């Protein structure tokens, strides 16, 4: 089961550190989960939720079918694959853009406050 958790994490392009941060655990704990033969249901649910998939998607992950899909797709075969992703990549992109815009506005506000403070200091020195 731990190998399936690792495989799903890799399919979603997450590092152990990324996953550890999402579930508020250490990277070493994630490593231990991934090397475990069995993962208890509560922990599996928590990990699955953090990755944006269901626990069943991890339990039913078939390594050989995934490899077959990747190989046939890379060899030019056309087919539909469903990796049980429960998020829209465009939504994730928009969330990131919105976070960047918010951070940019906060930085501009902070800069304006510093400029105003420096102007006051300059006025006092005159």
C-alpha atoms as a PDB file:
ATOM      1  CA  UNK A   1       0.000   0.000   0.000  1.00  0.00           C
ATOM      2  CA  UNK A   2       2.863   2.358   0.761  1.00  0.00           C
ATOM      3  CA  UNK A   3       4.220   1.797  -2.741  1.00  0.00           C
ATOM      4  CA  UNK A   4       0.835   2.829  -4.159  1.00  0.00           C
ATOM      5  CA  UNK A   5       0.885   6.003  -2.064  1.00  0.00           C
ATOM      6  CA  UNK A   6       4.350   6.815  -3.407  1.00  0.00           C
ATOM      7  CA  UNK A   7       3.307   6.053  -6.973  1.00  0.00           C
ATOM      8  CA  UNK A   8       0.224   8.288  -6.722  1.00  0.00           C
ATOM      9  CA  UNK A   9       2.327  11.070  -5.209  1.00  0.00           C
ATOM     10  CA  UNK A  10       4.797  10.799  -8.083  1.00  0.00           C
ATOM     11  CA  UNK A  11       1.994  10.764 -10.663  1.00  0.00           C
ATOM     12  CA  UNK A  12       0.737  14.018  -9.163  1.00  0.00           C
ATOM     13  CA  UNK A  13       4.259  15.447  -9.300  1.00  0.00           C
ATOM     14  CA  UNK A  14       4.479  16.000  -5.540  1.00  0.00           C
ATOM     15  CA  UNK A  15       7.611  15.626  -3.446  1.00  0.00           C
ATOM     16  CA  UNK A  16       7.600  13.981  -0.048  1.00  0.00           C
ATOM     17  CA  UNK A  17       8.174  17.422   1.438  1.00  0.00           C
ATOM     18  CA  UNK A  18       5.130  18.823  -0.412  1.00  0.00           C
ATOM     19  CA  UNK A  19       2.927  16.028   0.863  1.00  0.00           C
ATOM     20  CA  UNK A  20       4.345  16.258   4.387  1.00  0.00           C
ATOM     21  CA  UNK A  21       3.526  19.963   4.498  1.00  0.00           C
ATOM     22  CA  UNK A  22      -0.043  19.361   3.321  1.00  0.00           C
ATOM     23  CA  UNK A  23      -0.740  16.759   6.000  1.00  0.00           C
ATOM     24  CA  UNK A  24       1.270  18.512   8.718  1.00  0.00           C
ATOM     25  CA  UNK A  25       3.777  15.685   9.158  1.00  0.00           C
ATOM     26  CA  UNK A  26       7.495  15.360   8.694  1.00  0.00           C
ATOM     27  CA  UNK A  27       9.055  14.222   5.439  1.00  0.00           C
ATOM     28  CA  UNK A  28      10.401  11.204   7.330  1.00  0.00           C
ATOM     29  CA  UNK A  29       6.843  10.209   8.313  1.00  0.00           C
ATOM     30  CA  UNK A  30       5.772  10.347   4.658  1.00  0.00           C
ATOM     31  CA  UNK A  31       8.803   8.226   3.772  1.00  0.00           C
ATOM     32  CA  UNK A  32       7.804   5.691   6.451  1.00  0.00           C
ATOM     33  CA  UNK A  33       4.241   5.560   5.103  1.00  0.00           C
ATOM     34  CA  UNK A  34       5.526   4.969   1.578  1.00  0.00           C
ATOM     35  CA  UNK A  35       7.794   2.154   2.710  1.00  0.00           C
ATOM     36  CA  UNK A  36       5.062   0.453   4.777  1.00  0.00           C
ATOM     37  CA  UNK A  37       3.428  -2.754   3.671  1.00  0.00           C
ATOM     38  CA  UNK A  38       0.126  -1.628   5.214  1.00  0.00           C
ATOM     39  CA  UNK A  39      -1.276   1.850   5.809  1.00  0.00           C
ATOM     40  CA  UNK A  40      -4.191   2.262   8.224  1.00  0.00           C
ATOM     41  CA  UNK A  41      -7.411   3.623   6.727  1.00  0.00           C
ATOM     42  CA  UNK A  42      -7.386   6.880   8.701  1.00  0.00           C
ATOM     43  CA  UNK A  43      -3.862   7.731   7.596  1.00  0.00           C
ATOM     44  CA  UNK A  44      -4.642   6.715   3.997  1.00  0.00           C
ATOM     45  CA  UNK A  45      -7.697   9.002   3.967  1.00  0.00           C
ATOM     46  CA  UNK A  46      -5.612  11.905   5.247  1.00  0.00           C
ATOM     47  CA  UNK A  47      -2.888  11.331   2.636  1.00  0.00           C
ATOM     48  CA  UNK A  48      -5.426  10.876  -0.167  1.00  0.00           C
ATOM     49  CA  UNK A  49      -7.269  14.069   0.752  1.00  0.00           C
ATOM     50  CA  UNK A  50      -3.999  16.015   0.783  1.00  0.00           C
ATOM     51  CA  UNK A  51      -3.212  14.736  -2.715  1.00  0.00           C
ATOM     52  CA  UNK A  52      -6.701  15.565  -3.964  1.00  0.00           C
ATOM     53  CA  UNK A  53      -7.678  11.961  -4.694  1.00  0.00           C
ATOM     54  CA  UNK A  54      -9.805   9.356  -2.975  1.00  0.00           C
ATOM     55  CA  UNK A  55      -8.426   6.580  -0.812  1.00  0.00           C
ATOM     56  CA  UNK A  56     -10.009   4.140  -3.263  1.00  0.00           C
ATOM     57  CA  UNK A  57      -8.014   5.694  -6.106  1.00  0.00           C
ATOM     58  CA  UNK A  58      -4.836   4.847  -4.205  1.00  0.00           C
ATOM     59  CA  UNK A  59      -6.041   1.388  -3.176  1.00  0.00           C
ATOM     60  CA  UNK A  60      -7.046   0.550  -6.750  1.00  0.00           C
ATOM     61  CA  UNK A  61      -3.949   2.003  -8.381  1.00  0.00           C
ATOM     62  CA  UNK A  62      -2.575  -0.641 -10.717  1.00  0.00           C
ATOM     63  CA  UNK A  63       1.128  -0.122 -11.357  1.00  0.00           C
ATOM     64  CA  UNK A  64       1.216  -2.339 -14.421  1.00  0.00           C
ATOM     65  CA  UNK A  65      -1.809  -0.619 -16.003  1.00  0.00           C
ATOM     66  CA  UNK A  66      -0.285   2.785 -15.338  1.00  0.00           C
ATOM     67  CA  UNK A  67       2.999   1.744 -16.920  1.00  0.00           C
ATOM     68  CA  UNK A  68       1.085   0.274 -19.873  1.00  0.00           C
ATOM     69  CA  UNK A  69      -0.852   3.531 -20.352  1.00  0.00           C
ATOM     70  CA  UNK A  70       2.300   5.619 -20.207  1.00  0.00           C
ATOM     71  CA  UNK A  71       4.198   3.342 -22.601  1.00  0.00           C
ATOM     72  CA  UNK A  72       1.372   3.094 -25.132  1.00  0.00           C
ATOM     73  CA  UNK A  73       0.755   6.828 -24.985  1.00  0.00           C
ATOM     74  CA  UNK A  74       4.435   7.570 -25.509  1.00  0.00           C
ATOM     75  CA  UNK A  75       4.574   5.171 -28.438  1.00  0.00           C
ATOM     76  CA  UNK A  76       1.916   7.117 -30.299  1.00  0.00           C
ATOM     77  CA  UNK A  77      -1.169   5.115 -29.363  1.00  0.00           C
ATOM     78  CA  UNK A  78      -4.174   7.295 -28.718  1.00  0.00           C
ATOM     79  CA  UNK A  79      -6.362   6.471 -25.753  1.00  0.00           C
ATOM     80  CA  UNK A  80      -8.098   7.918 -22.760  1.00  0.00           C
ATOM     81  CA  UNK A  81      -6.496   7.577 -19.366  1.00  0.00           C
ATOM     82  CA  UNK A  82      -8.176   8.461 -16.119  1.00  0.00           C
ATOM     83  CA  UNK A  83      -5.811   8.933 -13.218  1.00  0.00           C
ATOM     84  CA  UNK A  84      -8.692   9.855 -10.896  1.00  0.00           C
ATOM     85  CA  UNK A  85      -7.592  13.472 -10.588  1.00  0.00           C
ATOM     86  CA  UNK A  86     -10.188  15.375  -8.627  1.00  0.00           C
ATOM     87  CA  UNK A  87      -8.947  18.861  -9.398  1.00  0.00           C
ATOM     88  CA  UNK A  88      -8.966  21.086 -12.428  1.00  0.00           C
ATOM     89  CA  UNK A  89      -5.455  22.238 -13.378  1.00  0.00           C
ATOM     90  CA  UNK A  90      -6.847  25.566 -14.605  1.00  0.00           C
ATOM     91  CA  UNK A  91      -8.415  26.167 -11.193  1.00  0.00           C
ATOM     92  CA  UNK A  92      -5.047  25.512  -9.557  1.00  0.00           C
ATOM     93  CA  UNK A  93      -3.385  27.924 -11.993  1.00  0.00           C
ATOM     94  CA  UNK A  94      -5.965  30.627 -11.249  1.00  0.00           C
ATOM     95  CA  UNK A  95      -5.492  30.118  -7.488  1.00  0.00           C
ATOM     96  CA  UNK A  96      -1.757  30.627  -7.942  1.00  0.00           C
ATOM     97  CA  UNK A  97      -2.267  33.751 -10.028  1.00  0.00           C
ATOM     98  CA  UNK A  98      -4.658  35.180  -7.422  1.00  0.00           C
ATOM     99  CA  UNK A  99      -2.166  34.461  -4.630  1.00  0.00           C
ATOM    100  CA  UNK A 100       0.583  36.185  -6.609  1.00  0.00           C
ATOM    101  CA  UNK A 101      -1.631  39.216  -7.244  1.00  0.00           C
ATOM    102  CA  UNK A 102      -2.496  39.459  -3.542  1.00  0.00           C
ATOM    103  CA  UNK A 103       1.171  39.218  -2.589  1.00  0.00           C
ATOM    104  CA  UNK A 104       2.046  41.882  -5.182  1.00  0.00           C
ATOM    105  CA  UNK A 105      -0.609  44.258  -3.779  1.00  0.00           C
ATOM    106  CA  UNK A 106       0.690  43.703  -0.244  1.00  0.00           C
ATOM    107  CA  UNK A 107       4.255  44.432  -1.346  1.00  0.00           C
ATOM    108  CA  UNK A 108       3.158  47.628  -3.116  1.00  0.00           C
ATOM    109  CA  UNK A 109       1.277  48.765  -0.016  1.00  0.00           C
ATOM    110  CA  UNK A 110       4.305  48.086   2.149  1.00  0.00           C
ATOM    111  CA  UNK A 111       6.538  49.999  -0.284  1.00  0.00           C
ATOM    112  CA  UNK A 112       4.156  52.978  -0.266  1.00  0.00           C
ATOM    113  CA  UNK A 113       4.171  53.003   3.537  1.00  0.00           C
ATOM    114  CA  UNK A 114       7.966  53.024   3.603  1.00  0.00           C
ATOM    115  CA  UNK A 115       8.118  55.841   1.045  1.00  0.00           C
ATOM    116  CA  UNK A 116       5.652  57.886   3.115  1.00  0.00           C
ATOM    117  CA  UNK A 117       7.718  57.275   6.250  1.00  0.00           C
ATOM    118  CA  UNK A 118      10.915  58.357   4.483  1.00  0.00           C
ATOM    119  CA  UNK A 119       9.217  61.480   3.154  1.00  0.00           C
ATOM    120  CA  UNK A 120       8.190  62.421   6.700  1.00  0.00           C
ATOM    121  CA  UNK A 121      11.744  61.921   7.898  1.00  0.00           C
ATOM    122  CA  UNK A 122      13.066  64.069   5.067  1.00  0.00           C
ATOM    123  CA  UNK A 123      10.575  66.834   5.924  1.00  0.00           C
ATOM    124  CA  UNK A 124      11.723  66.793   9.576  1.00  0.00           C
ATOM    125  CA  UNK A 125      15.351  67.082   8.530  1.00  0.00           C
ATOM    126  CA  UNK A 126      14.674  70.193   6.413  1.00  0.00           C
END
